[in-house]
Amino acid sequence: MARIVILEEKSPLKIEINGIVRSICRCGLSKNFPICDATHKTIVEEDGKIYKYVNGEKKEIDLNRLFQEELK
């Protein structure tokens, strides 16, 4: 089963467990997910646009085309 998950955060969540600080990925792009590897710092995305990532490749989603296909 496949799911579409929308992640909008651009920074990790810092948590401390037993005195050890960890960064939890909230962008979904970390190669070490759920641990942040700072990949979010290397990605350039424009506000108001939606992107999908397949095997690390970024593609912008054309919402007009997406919704036209759903209406067919």
N, C-alpha and C. Protein backbone atom coordinates (compact mmCIF):
# COMPACT_ATOMS: atom_id res chain seq x y z
N MET A 1 0.84 -1.16 0.00
CA MET A 1 0.00 0.00 0.00
C MET A 1 0.90 1.23 0.00
N ALA A 2 0.52 2.24 -0.77
CA ALA A 2 1.28 3.50 -0.83
C ALA A 2 0.49 4.60 -0.14
N ARG A 3 1.22 5.59 0.37
CA ARG A 3 0.60 6.73 1.03
C ARG A 3 1.25 8.01 0.54
N ILE A 4 0.49 9.06 0.50
CA ILE A 4 1.04 10.39 0.27
C ILE A 4 1.07 11.08 1.62
N VAL A 5 2.28 11.49 2.02
CA VAL A 5 2.46 12.15 3.31
C VAL A 5 3.04 13.54 3.03
N ILE A 6 2.41 14.56 3.54
CA ILE A 6 2.88 15.93 3.32
C ILE A 6 3.65 16.38 4.56
N LEU A 7 4.91 16.72 4.36
CA LEU A 7 5.76 17.22 5.43
C LEU A 7 6.19 18.64 5.07
N GLU A 8 5.89 19.60 5.92
CA GLU A 8 6.16 21.00 5.61
C GLU A 8 7.28 21.61 6.44
N GLU A 9 7.75 20.92 7.43
CA GLU A 9 8.78 21.48 8.31
C GLU A 9 10.12 21.57 7.59
N LYS A 10 10.90 22.56 7.97
CA LYS A 10 12.21 22.78 7.35
C LYS A 10 13.34 22.68 8.36
N SER A 11 13.04 22.15 9.52
CA SER A 11 14.07 21.99 10.55
C SER A 11 13.71 20.80 11.43
N PRO A 12 14.70 20.23 12.12
CA PRO A 12 14.44 19.06 12.96
C PRO A 12 13.82 19.43 14.30
N LEU A 13 13.33 18.43 14.97
CA LEU A 13 12.83 18.55 16.34
C LEU A 13 13.94 18.05 17.25
N LYS A 14 14.41 18.90 18.15
CA LYS A 14 15.46 18.51 19.09
C LYS A 14 14.81 17.90 20.33
N ILE A 15 15.26 16.70 20.69
CA ILE A 15 14.77 16.05 21.90
C ILE A 15 15.96 15.58 22.73
N GLU A 16 15.75 15.48 24.03
CA GLU A 16 16.80 15.00 24.92
C GLU A 16 16.29 13.78 25.67
N ILE A 17 17.07 12.71 25.58
CA ILE A 17 16.73 11.47 26.28
C ILE A 17 17.95 11.05 27.08
N ASN A 18 17.76 10.95 28.37
CA ASN A 18 18.87 10.55 29.26
C ASN A 18 20.12 11.40 29.04
N GLY A 19 19.93 12.70 28.84
CA GLY A 19 21.06 13.61 28.66
C GLY A 19 21.66 13.63 27.27
N ILE A 20 21.14 12.83 26.35
CA ILE A 20 21.64 12.80 24.97
C ILE A 20 20.65 13.55 24.08
N VAL A 21 21.16 14.57 23.35
CA VAL A 21 20.31 15.36 22.46
C VAL A 21 20.28 14.70 21.08
N ARG A 22 19.09 14.52 20.55
CA ARG A 22 18.90 13.95 19.21
C ARG A 22 18.07 14.93 18.38
N SER A 23 18.31 14.92 17.09
CA SER A 23 17.53 15.72 16.15
C SER A 23 16.66 14.77 15.35
N ILE A 24 15.36 14.96 15.43
CA ILE A 24 14.40 14.12 14.72
C ILE A 24 14.00 14.81 13.42
N CYS A 25 14.11 14.11 12.31
CA CYS A 25 13.79 14.65 11.00
C CYS A 25 12.31 14.97 10.90
N ARG A 26 12.01 16.19 10.41
CA ARG A 26 10.61 16.56 10.17
C ARG A 26 10.37 16.93 8.71
N CYS A 27 11.43 16.90 7.88
CA CYS A 27 11.24 17.20 6.46
C CYS A 27 11.00 15.93 5.66
N GLY A 28 11.42 14.79 6.21
CA GLY A 28 11.21 13.51 5.54
C GLY A 28 12.27 13.14 4.53
N LEU A 29 13.32 13.95 4.38
CA LEU A 29 14.32 13.72 3.35
C LEU A 29 15.61 13.09 3.87
N SER A 30 15.74 12.92 5.16
CA SER A 30 16.96 12.38 5.74
C SER A 30 17.21 10.95 5.27
N LYS A 31 18.45 10.67 4.92
CA LYS A 31 18.82 9.30 4.55
C LYS A 31 18.89 8.42 5.79
N ASN A 32 18.90 9.04 6.98
CA ASN A 32 18.93 8.31 8.25
C ASN A 32 17.60 8.43 8.99
N PHE A 33 16.51 8.67 8.27
CA PHE A 33 15.19 8.88 8.88
C PHE A 33 14.90 7.77 9.88
N PRO A 34 14.46 8.08 11.07
CA PRO A 34 13.93 9.34 11.55
C PRO A 34 14.96 10.30 12.16
N ILE A 35 16.24 9.95 12.10
CA ILE A 35 17.27 10.85 12.63
C ILE A 35 17.65 11.87 11.55
N CYS A 36 17.69 13.14 11.92
CA CYS A 36 18.04 14.20 10.97
C CYS A 36 19.50 14.09 10.56
N ASP A 37 19.76 14.22 9.25
CA ASP A 37 21.13 14.27 8.75
C ASP A 37 21.43 15.61 8.07
N ALA A 38 20.56 16.60 8.31
CA ALA A 38 20.69 17.98 7.81
C ALA A 38 20.48 18.10 6.30
N THR A 39 19.86 17.11 5.68
CA THR A 39 19.55 17.21 4.25
C THR A 39 18.69 18.44 3.96
N HIS A 40 17.83 18.83 4.90
CA HIS A 40 16.95 19.99 4.69
C HIS A 40 17.74 21.26 4.38
N LYS A 41 18.98 21.33 4.81
CA LYS A 41 19.81 22.51 4.56
C LYS A 41 20.30 22.58 3.11
N THR A 42 20.25 21.47 2.39
CA THR A 42 20.76 21.42 1.02
C THR A 42 19.66 21.55 -0.03
N ILE A 43 18.41 21.56 0.40
CA ILE A 43 17.26 21.57 -0.52
C ILE A 43 16.73 22.99 -0.68
N VAL A 44 16.53 23.40 -1.94
CA VAL A 44 15.94 24.71 -2.22
C VAL A 44 14.51 24.48 -2.71
N GLU A 45 13.55 24.98 -1.94
CA GLU A 45 12.14 24.86 -2.31
C GLU A 45 11.49 26.23 -2.17
N GLU A 46 10.57 26.53 -3.08
CA GLU A 46 9.85 27.80 -3.04
C GLU A 46 8.57 27.64 -2.23
N ASP A 47 8.30 28.63 -1.37
CA ASP A 47 7.05 28.62 -0.61
C ASP A 47 5.87 28.64 -1.56
N GLY A 48 4.82 27.93 -1.20
CA GLY A 48 3.61 27.90 -2.01
C GLY A 48 3.63 26.85 -3.11
N LYS A 49 4.72 26.13 -3.26
CA LYS A 49 4.80 25.07 -4.26
C LYS A 49 4.86 23.73 -3.55
N ILE A 50 4.45 22.69 -4.26
CA ILE A 50 4.47 21.34 -3.71
C ILE A 50 5.42 20.49 -4.55
N TYR A 51 6.25 19.72 -3.86
CA TYR A 51 7.24 18.89 -4.52
C TYR A 51 7.04 17.44 -4.11
N LYS A 52 7.45 16.54 -4.99
CA LYS A 52 7.52 15.14 -4.61
C LYS A 52 8.96 14.70 -4.84
N TYR A 53 9.40 13.76 -4.03
CA TYR A 53 10.75 13.24 -4.12
C TYR A 53 10.67 11.74 -4.38
N VAL A 54 11.32 11.33 -5.46
CA VAL A 54 11.36 9.92 -5.81
C VAL A 54 12.83 9.54 -5.97
N ASN A 55 13.29 8.62 -5.12
CA ASN A 55 14.69 8.20 -5.14
C ASN A 55 15.64 9.39 -5.06
N GLY A 56 15.28 10.37 -4.24
CA GLY A 56 16.12 11.54 -4.02
C GLY A 56 16.00 12.62 -5.06
N GLU A 57 15.20 12.40 -6.10
CA GLU A 57 15.03 13.40 -7.16
C GLU A 57 13.79 14.24 -6.89
N LYS A 58 13.96 15.57 -6.91
CA LYS A 58 12.86 16.50 -6.64
C LYS A 58 12.11 16.83 -7.92
N LYS A 59 10.78 16.77 -7.84
CA LYS A 59 9.93 17.17 -8.96
C LYS A 59 8.81 18.04 -8.42
N GLU A 60 8.54 19.15 -9.10
CA GLU A 60 7.43 20.03 -8.71
C GLU A 60 6.12 19.43 -9.20
N ILE A 61 5.11 19.48 -8.36
CA ILE A 61 3.80 18.96 -8.73
C ILE A 61 2.97 20.09 -9.32
N ASP A 62 2.41 19.88 -10.49
CA ASP A 62 1.51 20.83 -11.13
C ASP A 62 0.11 20.55 -10.61
N LEU A 63 -0.36 21.37 -9.67
CA LEU A 63 -1.65 21.11 -9.04
C LEU A 63 -2.81 21.18 -10.01
N ASN A 64 -2.76 22.09 -10.99
CA ASN A 64 -3.84 22.17 -11.97
C ASN A 64 -3.98 20.86 -12.73
N ARG A 65 -2.86 20.32 -13.17
CA ARG A 65 -2.88 19.05 -13.90
C ARG A 65 -3.33 17.90 -13.00
N LEU A 66 -2.87 17.91 -11.77
CA LEU A 66 -3.23 16.87 -10.81
C LEU A 66 -4.74 16.82 -10.61
N PHE A 67 -5.36 17.96 -10.38
CA PHE A 67 -6.79 17.98 -10.14
C PHE A 67 -7.61 17.71 -11.40
N GLN A 68 -7.11 18.09 -12.57
CA GLN A 68 -7.81 17.78 -13.81
C GLN A 68 -7.85 16.27 -14.01
N GLU A 69 -6.74 15.57 -13.70
CA GLU A 69 -6.70 14.13 -13.85
C GLU A 69 -7.66 13.45 -12.87
N GLU A 70 -7.80 14.01 -11.66
CA GLU A 70 -8.71 13.41 -10.68
C GLU A 70 -10.17 13.57 -11.09
N LEU A 71 -10.49 14.61 -11.86
CA LEU A 71 -11.86 14.86 -12.27
C LEU A 71 -12.29 14.00 -13.45
N LYS A 72 -11.37 13.34 -14.12
CA LYS A 72 -11.72 12.50 -15.28
C LYS A 72 -12.39 11.22 -14.85
